[in-house]
Amino acid sequence: MSKSLTRGPFPASRLRRMRADEFSRRLMRENHLTVDDLIYPMFVLEGKNQRESVASMPGIERLSIDLVLQEAKTLIDLGIPAIALFPVVEAAGKSEQAEEAFNSNGLVQRCVRALKDKFPELGVITDVALDPYTTHGQDGIIDDSGYVLNDRTVDTLVKQALSHARAGADVVAPSDMMDGRIGDIRQALEAAGHVNTRILAYSAKYASSYYGPFRDAVGSAGNLGKGNKNSYQMDPANSDEALHECALDLQEGADMIMVKPGMPYLDIVRRVKDELGAPTYAYQVSGEYAMHCAAFANGWLDREAVILESLLAFKRAGADGILTYFAKEAALLLRKAGK
């Protein structure tokens, strides 16, 4: 018999009784959102004192390293435990083979060193993927037909992950969706002595249409053009496949697994958490952020209430943490509410 059928019929059971007052609603609340659940994605660009707005993501900016450091101090003061870094690579840094991705003095590597030198307590997560560095905007090395070569790409991703670990990254986060890359990265990290460098695997990353504003932000949209990533990112129609992907990545050495996008895929978050029981994260992606902001700007939704409700939905679905562009605002709202 299901738990819902163990209660007596009305009026022995009046479910509104426990909803009648704030104290009883608090006592029976099943899920809680706190600042500990928040990861703030940040876009870093070259230069000094450089700040660029992202037109499709109101309120989000690309920042040079010196301004990233200023922002990091604010995030620490808010209690946000970690940031996720994404590079905005200039045209000169892009190539067919994405060599700049593992440059020890590259943009991400310099930013990581600066962050860990000044704010060692802040968790720094780096994106392991090649699309910001390729002239074609794909997440890997392509052949003459434009097909992304799996094993050749993995070799480069391993070099990229190692360069991030050497720079001091706490977590490397492969978001490329190549087969076998988690195992190879884990072996390389162990061999190099980076035994505590964590891997957050983008395990269930779907070939979604919600990524458009992000690609604008990192400057890969123009390179990708009308191309797509259907040959390596997951089909939005699939759910069982996500479990296979997550299980494989855990077996290969991932410490945490990611579902991306977020709210349209909360059923996947729930299944992954229930069936695998591993640390599970979700990304409230750029398209979700842009849609919310458009509704807020038009007065169609209550900004503060919807931000917190949307993030609580991730917790209810089973997410242990959430990458969200609303992290700073949510932290302020939670502080205001005394949470």
C-alpha atoms as a PDB file:
ATOM      1  CA  MET A   1       0.000   0.000   0.000  1.00  0.00           C
ATOM      2  CA  SER A   2       1.360   3.432  -0.894  1.00  0.00           C
ATOM      3  CA  LYS A   3       2.045   5.932   1.862  1.00  0.00           C
ATOM      4  CA  SER A   4      -0.644   8.261   0.517  1.00  0.00           C
ATOM      5  CA  LEU A   5      -3.298   5.613   1.194  1.00  0.00           C
ATOM      6  CA  THR A   6      -2.387   5.084   4.856  1.00  0.00           C
ATOM      7  CA  ARG A   7      -4.285   8.192   5.962  1.00  0.00           C
ATOM      8  CA  GLY A   8      -7.900   8.092   6.932  1.00  0.00           C
ATOM      9  CA  PRO A   9     -10.622   9.624   4.743  1.00  0.00           C
ATOM     10  CA  PHE A  10     -11.973  13.143   5.115  1.00  0.00           C
ATOM     11  CA  PRO A  11     -12.638  14.592   7.684  1.00  0.00           C
ATOM     12  CA  ALA A  12     -10.199  12.429   9.689  1.00  0.00           C
ATOM     13  CA  SER A  13      -7.624  13.710   7.244  1.00  0.00           C
ATOM     14  CA  ARG A  14      -7.776  17.390   6.440  1.00  0.00           C
ATOM     15  CA  LEU A  15      -4.515  18.132   4.617  1.00  0.00           C
ATOM     16  CA  ARG A  16      -5.150  21.857   4.963  1.00  0.00           C
ATOM     17  CA  ARG A  17      -4.769  21.613   8.762  1.00  0.00           C
ATOM     18  CA  MET A  18      -0.971  21.524   8.476  1.00  0.00           C
ATOM     19  CA  ARG A  19      -1.053  24.370   5.953  1.00  0.00           C
ATOM     20  CA  ALA A  20      -3.102  26.655   8.173  1.00  0.00           C
ATOM     21  CA  ASP A  21      -0.195  28.389   9.969  1.00  0.00           C
ATOM     22  CA  GLU A  22       3.391  29.299   9.166  1.00  0.00           C
ATOM     23  CA  PHE A  23       4.811  27.304  12.111  1.00  0.00           C
ATOM     24  CA  SER A  24       3.224  24.037  10.963  1.00  0.00           C
ATOM     25  CA  ARG A  25       4.144  24.652   7.337  1.00  0.00           C
ATOM     26  CA  ARG A  26       7.742  25.054   8.501  1.00  0.00           C
ATOM     27  CA  LEU A  27       7.631  21.909  10.605  1.00  0.00           C
ATOM     28  CA  MET A  28       6.520  19.729   7.701  1.00  0.00           C
ATOM     29  CA  ARG A  29       8.637  21.360   4.973  1.00  0.00           C
ATOM     30  CA  GLU A  30      10.414  18.575   3.114  1.00  0.00           C
ATOM     31  CA  ASN A  31      13.105  20.500   1.220  1.00  0.00           C
ATOM     32  CA  HIS A  32      15.177  23.574   1.986  1.00  0.00           C
ATOM     33  CA  LEU A  33      17.204  25.847  -0.263  1.00  0.00           C
ATOM     34  CA  THR A  34      20.309  27.414   1.292  1.00  0.00           C
ATOM     35  CA  VAL A  35      23.303  29.351   0.027  1.00  0.00           C
ATOM     36  CA  ASP A  36      25.288  26.109   0.299  1.00  0.00           C
ATOM     37  CA  ASP A  37      23.379  24.830  -2.741  1.00  0.00           C
ATOM     38  CA  LEU A  38      24.530  27.611  -5.081  1.00  0.00           C
ATOM     39  CA  ILE A  39      27.314  27.680  -7.685  1.00  0.00           C
ATOM     40  CA  TYR A  40      27.801  30.891  -9.669  1.00  0.00           C
ATOM     41  CA  PRO A  41      28.878  30.613 -13.333  1.00  0.00           C
ATOM     42  CA  MET A  42      31.242  33.384 -14.464  1.00  0.00           C
ATOM     43  CA  PHE A  43      32.583  34.439 -17.867  1.00  0.00           C
ATOM     44  CA  VAL A  44      36.206  35.613 -17.950  1.00  0.00           C
ATOM     45  CA  LEU A  45      37.863  37.590 -20.745  1.00  0.00           C
ATOM     46  CA  GLU A  46      41.286  39.018 -21.497  1.00  0.00           C
ATOM     47  CA  GLY A  47      42.482  42.469 -20.503  1.00  0.00           C
ATOM     48  CA  LYS A  48      42.287  44.609 -17.410  1.00  0.00           C
ATOM     49  CA  ASN A  49      39.279  46.444 -16.019  1.00  0.00           C
ATOM     50  CA  GLN A  50      37.221  44.981 -18.852  1.00  0.00           C
ATOM     51  CA  ARG A  51      33.491  44.511 -18.466  1.00  0.00           C
ATOM     52  CA  GLU A  52      31.116  43.473 -21.249  1.00  0.00           C
ATOM     53  CA  SER A  53      27.382  42.951 -20.987  1.00  0.00           C
ATOM     54  CA  VAL A  54      25.772  39.838 -22.471  1.00  0.00           C
ATOM     55  CA  ALA A  55      22.783  41.147 -24.417  1.00  0.00           C
ATOM     56  CA  SER A  56      20.777  37.918 -24.192  1.00  0.00           C
ATOM     57  CA  MET A  57      21.481  37.530 -20.441  1.00  0.00           C
ATOM     58  CA  PRO A  58      20.422  40.761 -18.684  1.00  0.00           C
ATOM     59  CA  GLY A  59      22.605  41.497 -15.663  1.00  0.00           C
ATOM     60  CA  ILE A  60      25.340  39.031 -16.629  1.00  0.00           C
ATOM     61  CA  GLU A  61      28.756  40.314 -17.710  1.00  0.00           C
ATOM     62  CA  ARG A  62      32.018  39.044 -19.092  1.00  0.00           C
ATOM     63  CA  LEU A  63      34.784  40.180 -16.749  1.00  0.00           C
ATOM     64  CA  SER A  64      38.559  40.457 -16.924  1.00  0.00           C
ATOM     65  CA  ILE A  65      40.543  38.621 -14.255  1.00  0.00           C
ATOM     66  CA  ASP A  66      40.946  41.644 -11.981  1.00  0.00           C
ATOM     67  CA  LEU A  67      37.174  42.160 -11.943  1.00  0.00           C
ATOM     68  CA  VAL A  68      36.567  38.440 -11.430  1.00  0.00           C
ATOM     69  CA  LEU A  69      38.613  38.787  -8.249  1.00  0.00           C
ATOM     70  CA  GLN A  70      36.456  41.692  -7.085  1.00  0.00           C
ATOM     71  CA  GLU A  71      33.335  39.682  -7.785  1.00  0.00           C
ATOM     72  CA  ALA A  72      34.783  36.668  -5.952  1.00  0.00           C
ATOM     73  CA  LYS A  73      35.102  38.731  -2.776  1.00  0.00           C
ATOM     74  CA  THR A  74      31.400  39.593  -3.022  1.00  0.00           C
ATOM     75  CA  LEU A  75      30.487  35.943  -3.533  1.00  0.00           C
ATOM     76  CA  ILE A  76      32.514  34.857  -0.516  1.00  0.00           C
ATOM     77  CA  ASP A  77      30.852  37.536   1.613  1.00  0.00           C
ATOM     78  CA  LEU A  78      27.487  36.120   0.500  1.00  0.00           C
ATOM     79  CA  GLY A  79      28.548  32.620   1.531  1.00  0.00           C
ATOM     80  CA  ILE A  80      28.461  31.118  -1.968  1.00  0.00           C
ATOM     81  CA  PRO A  81      30.802  28.105  -1.856  1.00  0.00           C
ATOM     82  CA  ALA A  82      31.980  27.844  -5.471  1.00  0.00           C
ATOM     83  CA  ILE A  83      32.145  29.422  -8.902  1.00  0.00           C
ATOM     84  CA  ALA A  84      32.282  27.844 -12.358  1.00  0.00           C
ATOM     85  CA  LEU A  85      34.600  29.551 -14.844  1.00  0.00           C
ATOM     86  CA  PHE A  86      33.950  29.827 -18.591  1.00  0.00           C
ATOM     87  CA  PRO A  87      36.428  31.571 -20.920  1.00  0.00           C
ATOM     88  CA  VAL A  88      35.725  34.104 -23.625  1.00  0.00           C
ATOM     89  CA  VAL A  89      38.521  33.305 -26.068  1.00  0.00           C
ATOM     90  CA  GLU A  90      39.672  35.873 -28.600  1.00  0.00           C
ATOM     91  CA  ALA A  91      39.794  34.916 -32.274  1.00  0.00           C
ATOM     92  CA  ALA A  92      43.592  34.596 -32.153  1.00  0.00           C
ATOM     93  CA  GLY A  93      43.239  31.870 -29.524  1.00  0.00           C
ATOM     94  CA  LYS A  94      40.939  29.697 -31.624  1.00  0.00           C
ATOM     95  CA  SER A  95      42.212  26.936 -33.889  1.00  0.00           C
ATOM     96  CA  GLU A  96      41.227  23.648 -35.507  1.00  0.00           C
ATOM     97  CA  GLN A  97      43.117  21.676 -32.851  1.00  0.00           C
ATOM     98  CA  ALA A  98      42.219  23.889 -29.841  1.00  0.00           C
ATOM     99  CA  GLU A  99      45.813  24.063 -28.595  1.00  0.00           C
ATOM    100  CA  GLU A 100      45.050  27.142 -26.473  1.00  0.00           C
ATOM    101  CA  ALA A 101      42.823  24.988 -24.256  1.00  0.00           C
ATOM    102  CA  PHE A 102      45.856  23.495 -22.493  1.00  0.00           C
ATOM    103  CA  ASN A 103      48.165  26.519 -22.571  1.00  0.00           C
ATOM    104  CA  SER A 104      49.643  26.715 -19.070  1.00  0.00           C
ATOM    105  CA  ASN A 105      49.506  30.510 -19.318  1.00  0.00           C
ATOM    106  CA  GLY A 106      46.055  30.599 -20.883  1.00  0.00           C
ATOM    107  CA  LEU A 107      43.153  32.753 -19.737  1.00  0.00           C
ATOM    108  CA  VAL A 108      41.491  30.132 -17.516  1.00  0.00           C
ATOM    109  CA  GLN A 109      44.783  28.940 -16.057  1.00  0.00           C
ATOM    110  CA  ARG A 110      45.816  32.484 -15.106  1.00  0.00           C
ATOM    111  CA  CYS A 111      42.399  33.199 -13.645  1.00  0.00           C
ATOM    112  CA  VAL A 112      42.466  30.036 -11.532  1.00  0.00           C
ATOM    113  CA  ARG A 113      45.908  30.867 -10.153  1.00  0.00           C
ATOM    114  CA  ALA A 114      44.814  34.397  -9.281  1.00  0.00           C
ATOM    115  CA  LEU A 115      41.654  33.171  -7.557  1.00  0.00           C
ATOM    116  CA  LYS A 116      43.350  30.448  -5.528  1.00  0.00           C
ATOM    117  CA  ASP A 117      46.163  32.799  -4.538  1.00  0.00           C
ATOM    118  CA  LYS A 118      43.780  35.443  -3.197  1.00  0.00           C
ATOM    119  CA  PHE A 119      40.773  33.358  -2.134  1.00  0.00           C
ATOM    120  CA  PRO A 120      41.910  29.799  -1.388  1.00  0.00           C
ATOM    121  CA  GLU A 121      38.640  29.060   0.411  1.00  0.00           C
ATOM    122  CA  LEU A 122      36.509  29.630  -2.697  1.00  0.00           C
ATOM    123  CA  GLY A 123      35.821  26.501  -4.710  1.00  0.00           C
ATOM    124  CA  VAL A 124      36.898  26.929  -8.338  1.00  0.00           C
ATOM    125  CA  ILE A 125      35.304  24.727 -11.000  1.00  0.00           C
ATOM    126  CA  THR A 126      36.679  24.828 -14.544  1.00  0.00           C
ATOM    127  CA  ASP A 127      34.954  23.853 -17.762  1.00  0.00           C
ATOM    128  CA  VAL A 128      36.773  21.113 -19.667  1.00  0.00           C
ATOM    129  CA  ALA A 129      35.572  21.464 -23.248  1.00  0.00           C
ATOM    130  CA  LEU A 130      36.999  22.710 -26.505  1.00  0.00           C
ATOM    131  CA  ASP A 131      34.178  24.744 -28.064  1.00  0.00           C
ATOM    132  CA  PRO A 132      35.509  28.141 -26.830  1.00  0.00           C
ATOM    133  CA  TYR A 133      38.852  27.280 -28.461  1.00  0.00           C
ATOM    134  CA  THR A 134      37.819  25.824 -31.823  1.00  0.00           C
ATOM    135  CA  THR A 135      37.315  27.813 -35.003  1.00  0.00           C
ATOM    136  CA  HIS A 136      34.232  25.715 -35.795  1.00  0.00           C
ATOM    137  CA  GLY A 137      32.528  25.960 -32.383  1.00  0.00           C
ATOM    138  CA  GLN A 138      32.307  22.204 -31.833  1.00  0.00           C
ATOM    139  CA  ASP A 139      33.360  20.612 -28.532  1.00  0.00           C
ATOM    140  CA  GLY A 140      36.095  18.555 -30.128  1.00  0.00           C
ATOM    141  CA  ILE A 141      38.519  17.928 -32.970  1.00  0.00           C
ATOM    142  CA  ILE A 142      36.720  17.332 -36.258  1.00  0.00           C
ATOM    143  CA  ASP A 143      37.536  15.336 -39.387  1.00  0.00           C
ATOM    144  CA  ASP A 144      37.147  16.540 -42.970  1.00  0.00           C
ATOM    145  CA  SER A 145      33.403  15.860 -42.883  1.00  0.00           C
ATOM    146  CA  GLY A 146      32.896  17.870 -39.697  1.00  0.00           C
ATOM    147  CA  TYR A 147      32.386  14.820 -37.463  1.00  0.00           C
ATOM    148  CA  VAL A 148      33.842  15.193 -33.969  1.00  0.00           C
ATOM    149  CA  LEU A 149      36.575  12.599 -33.405  1.00  0.00           C
ATOM    150  CA  ASN A 150      36.069  11.039 -29.979  1.00  0.00           C
ATOM    151  CA  ASP A 151      39.475   9.645 -29.019  1.00  0.00           C
ATOM    152  CA  ARG A 152      41.463  12.460 -30.577  1.00  0.00           C
ATOM    153  CA  THR A 153      39.320  14.929 -28.644  1.00  0.00           C
ATOM    154  CA  VAL A 154      39.758  13.019 -25.386  1.00  0.00           C
ATOM    155  CA  ASP A 155      43.544  13.302 -25.709  1.00  0.00           C
ATOM    156  CA  THR A 156      43.211  17.089 -25.805  1.00  0.00           C
ATOM    157  CA  LEU A 157      40.662  17.162 -22.978  1.00  0.00           C
ATOM    158  CA  VAL A 158      43.099  15.255 -20.752  1.00  0.00           C
ATOM    159  CA  LYS A 159      45.774  17.874 -21.426  1.00  0.00           C
ATOM    160  CA  GLN A 160      43.267  20.633 -20.691  1.00  0.00           C
ATOM    161  CA  ALA A 161      42.134  19.063 -17.411  1.00  0.00           C
ATOM    162  CA  LEU A 162      45.727  18.553 -16.284  1.00  0.00           C
ATOM    163  CA  SER A 163      46.582  22.181 -17.043  1.00  0.00           C
ATOM    164  CA  HIS A 164      43.625  23.299 -14.918  1.00  0.00           C
ATOM    165  CA  ALA A 165      44.625  21.018 -12.042  1.00  0.00           C
ATOM    166  CA  ARG A 166      48.209  22.290 -12.153  1.00  0.00           C
ATOM    167  CA  ALA A 167      46.872  25.853 -11.984  1.00  0.00           C
ATOM    168  CA  GLY A 168      44.974  24.954  -8.811  1.00  0.00           C
ATOM    169  CA  ALA A 169      41.433  24.173  -9.925  1.00  0.00           C
ATOM    170  CA  ASP A 170      39.514  22.356  -7.219  1.00  0.00           C
ATOM    171  CA  VAL A 171      37.091  20.723  -9.653  1.00  0.00           C
ATOM    172  CA  VAL A 172      37.421  19.989 -13.358  1.00  0.00           C
ATOM    173  CA  ALA A 173      34.099  19.672 -15.135  1.00  0.00           C
ATOM    174  CA  PRO A 174      34.169  17.918 -18.519  1.00  0.00           C
ATOM    175  CA  SER A 175      31.139  19.183 -20.437  1.00  0.00           C
ATOM    176  CA  ASP A 176      32.084  17.794 -23.844  1.00  0.00           C
ATOM    177  CA  MET A 177      30.141  14.478 -23.802  1.00  0.00           C
ATOM    178  CA  MET A 178      32.908  12.402 -25.383  1.00  0.00           C
ATOM    179  CA  ASP A 179      32.915   8.704 -24.528  1.00  0.00           C
ATOM    180  CA  GLY A 180      35.579   7.563 -22.056  1.00  0.00           C
ATOM    181  CA  ARG A 181      36.929  10.966 -21.165  1.00  0.00           C
ATOM    182  CA  ILE A 182      36.212  10.691 -17.440  1.00  0.00           C
ATOM    183  CA  GLY A 183      38.306   7.547 -17.070  1.00  0.00           C
ATOM    184  CA  ASP A 184      41.241   9.003 -18.989  1.00  0.00           C
ATOM    185  CA  ILE A 185      41.112  12.282 -17.056  1.00  0.00           C
ATOM    186  CA  ARG A 186      40.930  10.461 -13.726  1.00  0.00           C
ATOM    187  CA  GLN A 187      43.911   8.260 -14.589  1.00  0.00           C
ATOM    188  CA  ALA A 188      45.933  11.281 -15.696  1.00  0.00           C
ATOM    189  CA  LEU A 189      45.099  13.233 -12.532  1.00  0.00           C
ATOM    190  CA  GLU A 190      46.089  10.304 -10.328  1.00  0.00           C
ATOM    191  CA  ALA A 191      49.340   9.755 -12.225  1.00  0.00           C
ATOM    192  CA  ALA A 192      50.228  13.443 -11.860  1.00  0.00           C
ATOM    193  CA  GLY A 193      49.511  13.435  -8.111  1.00  0.00           C
ATOM    194  CA  HIS A 194      46.315  15.486  -8.281  1.00  0.00           C
ATOM    195  CA  VAL A 195      44.463  12.946  -6.182  1.00  0.00           C
ATOM    196  CA  ASN A 196      42.086  15.471  -4.621  1.00  0.00           C
ATOM    197  CA  THR A 197      41.118  17.225  -7.839  1.00  0.00           C
ATOM    198  CA  ARG A 198      37.447  16.445  -8.123  1.00  0.00           C
ATOM    199  CA  ILE A 199      35.616  15.656 -11.345  1.00  0.00           C
ATOM    200  CA  LEU A 200      32.146  17.059 -11.907  1.00  0.00           C
ATOM    201  CA  ALA A 201      31.020  15.195 -15.010  1.00  0.00           C
ATOM    202  CA  TYR A 202      28.426  16.705 -17.303  1.00  0.00           C
ATOM    203  CA  SER A 203      27.014  13.214 -17.660  1.00  0.00           C
ATOM    204  CA  ALA A 204      23.470  13.874 -18.875  1.00  0.00           C
ATOM    205  CA  LYS A 205      24.041  16.866 -21.118  1.00  0.00           C
ATOM    206  CA  TYR A 206      21.310  17.135 -23.699  1.00  0.00           C
ATOM    207  CA  ALA A 207      21.443  18.542 -27.240  1.00  0.00           C
ATOM    208  CA  SER A 208      19.187  21.326 -26.059  1.00  0.00           C
ATOM    209  CA  SER A 209      17.941  24.528 -27.654  1.00  0.00           C
ATOM    210  CA  TYR A 210      18.234  26.296 -24.290  1.00  0.00           C
ATOM    211  CA  TYR A 211      21.980  27.015 -24.655  1.00  0.00           C
ATOM    212  CA  GLY A 212      21.794  29.926 -27.099  1.00  0.00           C
ATOM    213  CA  PRO A 213      22.568  32.829 -24.732  1.00  0.00           C
ATOM    214  CA  PHE A 214      25.543  30.921 -23.246  1.00  0.00           C
ATOM    215  CA  ARG A 215      27.048  30.464 -26.698  1.00  0.00           C
ATOM    216  CA  ASP A 216      26.644  34.206 -27.217  1.00  0.00           C
ATOM    217  CA  ALA A 217      28.402  34.836 -23.898  1.00  0.00           C
ATOM    218  CA  VAL A 218      31.492  32.717 -24.664  1.00  0.00           C
ATOM    219  CA  GLY A 219      31.605  33.712 -28.323  1.00  0.00           C
ATOM    220  CA  SER A 220      31.111  30.275 -29.884  1.00  0.00           C
ATOM    221  CA  ALA A 221      27.695  30.916 -31.467  1.00  0.00           C
ATOM    222  CA  GLY A 222      29.144  32.565 -34.552  1.00  0.00           C
ATOM    223  CA  ASN A 223      31.676  29.796 -35.042  1.00  0.00           C
ATOM    224  CA  LEU A 224      29.078  27.051 -34.705  1.00  0.00           C
ATOM    225  CA  GLY A 225      26.693  28.810 -37.091  1.00  0.00           C
ATOM    226  CA  LYS A 226      23.894  26.489 -38.157  1.00  0.00           C
ATOM    227  CA  GLY A 227      25.791  23.421 -36.934  1.00  0.00           C
ATOM    228  CA  ASN A 228      24.568  21.239 -34.090  1.00  0.00           C
ATOM    229  CA  LYS A 229      25.974  18.889 -31.472  1.00  0.00           C
ATOM    230  CA  ASN A 230      23.546  16.008 -31.949  1.00  0.00           C
ATOM    231  CA  SER A 231      26.264  13.430 -32.574  1.00  0.00           C
ATOM    232  CA  TYR A 232      27.613  13.675 -29.030  1.00  0.00           C
ATOM    233  CA  GLN A 233      25.106  15.447 -26.768  1.00  0.00           C
ATOM    234  CA  MET A 234      22.047  13.450 -25.671  1.00  0.00           C
ATOM    235  CA  ASP A 235      18.701  13.274 -27.443  1.00  0.00           C
ATOM    236  CA  PRO A 236      16.118  15.243 -25.392  1.00  0.00           C
ATOM    237  CA  ALA A 237      13.687  12.351 -25.882  1.00  0.00           C
ATOM    238  CA  ASN A 238      15.797   9.927 -23.811  1.00  0.00           C
ATOM    239  CA  SER A 239      15.734   9.176 -20.102  1.00  0.00           C
ATOM    240  CA  ASP A 240      17.174   5.659 -19.670  1.00  0.00           C
ATOM    241  CA  GLU A 241      20.250   6.727 -21.622  1.00  0.00           C
ATOM    242  CA  ALA A 242      20.945   9.390 -18.998  1.00  0.00           C
ATOM    243  CA  LEU A 243      21.190   6.702 -16.332  1.00  0.00           C
ATOM    244  CA  HIS A 244      23.690   4.767 -18.455  1.00  0.00           C
ATOM    245  CA  GLU A 245      25.790   7.891 -19.020  1.00  0.00           C
ATOM    246  CA  CYS A 246      25.802   8.801 -15.324  1.00  0.00           C
ATOM    247  CA  ALA A 247      26.597   5.268 -14.186  1.00  0.00           C
ATOM    248  CA  LEU A 248      29.487   4.984 -16.642  1.00  0.00           C
ATOM    249  CA  ASP A 249      30.991   8.291 -15.537  1.00  0.00           C
ATOM    250  CA  LEU A 250      30.794   7.257 -11.883  1.00  0.00           C
ATOM    251  CA  GLN A 251      32.490   3.962 -12.685  1.00  0.00           C
ATOM    252  CA  GLU A 252      35.235   5.820 -14.525  1.00  0.00           C
ATOM    253  CA  GLY A 253      35.980   8.090 -11.573  1.00  0.00           C
ATOM    254  CA  ALA A 254      33.576  11.026 -11.497  1.00  0.00           C
ATOM    255  CA  ASP A 255      32.950  12.394  -8.007  1.00  0.00           C
ATOM    256  CA  MET A 256      29.808  14.288  -9.011  1.00  0.00           C
ATOM    257  CA  ILE A 257      27.420  14.100 -11.930  1.00  0.00           C
ATOM    258  CA  MET A 258      25.530  16.823 -13.761  1.00  0.00           C
ATOM    259  CA  VAL A 259      22.201  17.069 -15.543  1.00  0.00           C
ATOM    260  CA  LYS A 260      21.936  19.896 -18.078  1.00  0.00           C
ATOM    261  CA  PRO A 261      19.641  21.776 -18.772  1.00  0.00           C
ATOM    262  CA  GLY A 262      17.815  22.096 -15.497  1.00  0.00           C
ATOM    263  CA  MET A 263      14.108  22.738 -15.093  1.00  0.00           C
ATOM    264  CA  PRO A 264      12.963  21.022 -18.327  1.00  0.00           C
ATOM    265  CA  TYR A 265      14.908  17.943 -17.172  1.00  0.00           C
ATOM    266  CA  LEU A 266      14.013  17.685 -13.476  1.00  0.00           C
ATOM    267  CA  ASP A 267      12.606  14.206 -14.125  1.00  0.00           C
ATOM    268  CA  ILE A 268      16.155  13.181 -15.081  1.00  0.00           C
ATOM    269  CA  VAL A 269      17.564  14.721 -11.896  1.00  0.00           C
ATOM    270  CA  ARG A 270      15.058  12.732  -9.855  1.00  0.00           C
ATOM    271  CA  ARG A 271      15.829   9.440 -11.605  1.00  0.00           C
ATOM    272  CA  VAL A 272      19.590   9.920 -11.349  1.00  0.00           C
ATOM    273  CA  LYS A 273      19.451  10.738  -7.651  1.00  0.00           C
ATOM    274  CA  ASP A 274      17.028   7.930  -6.806  1.00  0.00           C
ATOM    275  CA  GLU A 275      18.737   5.215  -8.827  1.00  0.00           C
ATOM    276  CA  LEU A 276      22.416   6.090  -8.373  1.00  0.00           C
ATOM    277  CA  GLY A 277      22.494   7.972  -5.060  1.00  0.00           C
ATOM    278  CA  ALA A 278      25.585   9.948  -6.072  1.00  0.00           C
ATOM    279  CA  PRO A 279      26.207  13.688  -5.603  1.00  0.00           C
ATOM    280  CA  THR A 280      23.955  15.122  -8.303  1.00  0.00           C
ATOM    281  CA  TYR A 281      24.035  18.647  -9.722  1.00  0.00           C
ATOM    282  CA  ALA A 282      21.921  20.542 -12.220  1.00  0.00           C
ATOM    283  CA  TYR A 283      22.524  23.614 -14.340  1.00  0.00           C
ATOM    284  CA  GLN A 284      19.832  26.274 -14.628  1.00  0.00           C
ATOM    285  CA  VAL A 285      21.113  27.193 -18.061  1.00  0.00           C
ATOM    286  CA  SER A 286      21.311  30.475 -19.938  1.00  0.00           C
ATOM    287  CA  GLY A 287      18.038  29.972 -21.796  1.00  0.00           C
ATOM    288  CA  GLU A 288      16.181  29.394 -18.542  1.00  0.00           C
ATOM    289  CA  TYR A 289      17.764  32.527 -17.083  1.00  0.00           C
ATOM    290  CA  ALA A 290      16.899  34.599 -20.174  1.00  0.00           C
ATOM    291  CA  MET A 291      13.260  33.456 -20.170  1.00  0.00           C
ATOM    292  CA  HIS A 292      12.851  34.304 -16.505  1.00  0.00           C
ATOM    293  CA  CYS A 293      14.426  37.725 -16.987  1.00  0.00           C
ATOM    294  CA  ALA A 294      12.146  38.488 -19.931  1.00  0.00           C
ATOM    295  CA  ALA A 295       9.095  37.626 -17.844  1.00  0.00           C
ATOM    296  CA  PHE A 296      10.374  39.727 -14.946  1.00  0.00           C
ATOM    297  CA  ALA A 297      11.045  42.701 -17.216  1.00  0.00           C
ATOM    298  CA  ASN A 298       7.493  42.531 -18.576  1.00  0.00           C
ATOM    299  CA  GLY A 299       5.979  42.302 -15.105  1.00  0.00           C
ATOM    300  CA  TRP A 300       4.547  38.864 -15.841  1.00  0.00           C
ATOM    301  CA  LEU A 301       6.257  37.135 -12.897  1.00  0.00           C
ATOM    302  CA  ASP A 302       7.324  38.164  -9.391  1.00  0.00           C
ATOM    303  CA  ARG A 303      11.128  38.220  -9.641  1.00  0.00           C
ATOM    304  CA  GLU A 304      12.098  37.413  -6.061  1.00  0.00           C
ATOM    305  CA  ALA A 305       9.445  34.762  -5.477  1.00  0.00           C
ATOM    306  CA  VAL A 306      10.069  32.997  -8.788  1.00  0.00           C
ATOM    307  CA  ILE A 307      13.863  32.926  -8.403  1.00  0.00           C
ATOM    308  CA  LEU A 308      13.593  31.130  -5.070  1.00  0.00           C
ATOM    309  CA  GLU A 309      10.758  28.863  -6.217  1.00  0.00           C
ATOM    310  CA  SER A 310      12.637  27.809  -9.337  1.00  0.00           C
ATOM    311  CA  LEU A 311      15.732  26.931  -7.316  1.00  0.00           C
ATOM    312  CA  LEU A 312      13.739  25.083  -4.669  1.00  0.00           C
ATOM    313  CA  ALA A 313      12.338  22.921  -7.477  1.00  0.00           C
ATOM    314  CA  PHE A 314      15.862  21.659  -8.144  1.00  0.00           C
ATOM    315  CA  LYS A 315      16.248  20.660  -4.500  1.00  0.00           C
ATOM    316  CA  ARG A 316      12.876  18.903  -4.499  1.00  0.00           C
ATOM    317  CA  ALA A 317      13.934  16.947  -7.573  1.00  0.00           C
ATOM    318  CA  GLY A 318      17.049  15.713  -5.761  1.00  0.00           C
ATOM    319  CA  ALA A 319      19.823  18.095  -6.789  1.00  0.00           C
ATOM    320  CA  ASP A 320      22.616  18.531  -4.260  1.00  0.00           C
ATOM    321  CA  GLY A 321      23.711  21.774  -5.889  1.00  0.00           C
ATOM    322  CA  ILE A 322      22.657  24.145  -8.640  1.00  0.00           C
ATOM    323  CA  LEU A 323      24.674  26.142 -11.133  1.00  0.00           C
ATOM    324  CA  THR A 324      22.626  29.291 -11.577  1.00  0.00           C
ATOM    325  CA  TYR A 325      23.135  32.842 -12.819  1.00  0.00           C
ATOM    326  CA  PHE A 326      20.721  33.860 -10.050  1.00  0.00           C
ATOM    327  CA  ALA A 327      23.156  32.674  -7.346  1.00  0.00           C
ATOM    328  CA  LYS A 328      24.091  36.131  -6.061  1.00  0.00           C
ATOM    329  CA  GLU A 329      20.518  37.354  -6.008  1.00  0.00           C
ATOM    330  CA  ALA A 330      19.272  34.147  -4.407  1.00  0.00           C
ATOM    331  CA  ALA A 331      21.935  34.373  -1.706  1.00  0.00           C
ATOM    332  CA  LEU A 332      20.822  37.903  -0.870  1.00  0.00           C
ATOM    333  CA  LEU A 333      17.161  36.835  -0.771  1.00  0.00           C
ATOM    334  CA  LEU A 334      17.962  33.885   1.475  1.00  0.00           C
ATOM    335  CA  ARG A 335      19.939  36.131   3.806  1.00  0.00           C
ATOM    336  CA  LYS A 336      17.056  38.559   3.907  1.00  0.00           C
ATOM    337  CA  ALA A 337      14.738  35.690   4.845  1.00  0.00           C
ATOM    338  CA  GLY A 338      17.167  34.527   7.542  1.00  0.00           C
ATOM    339  CA  LYS A 339      17.930  31.223   5.809  1.00  0.00           C
END
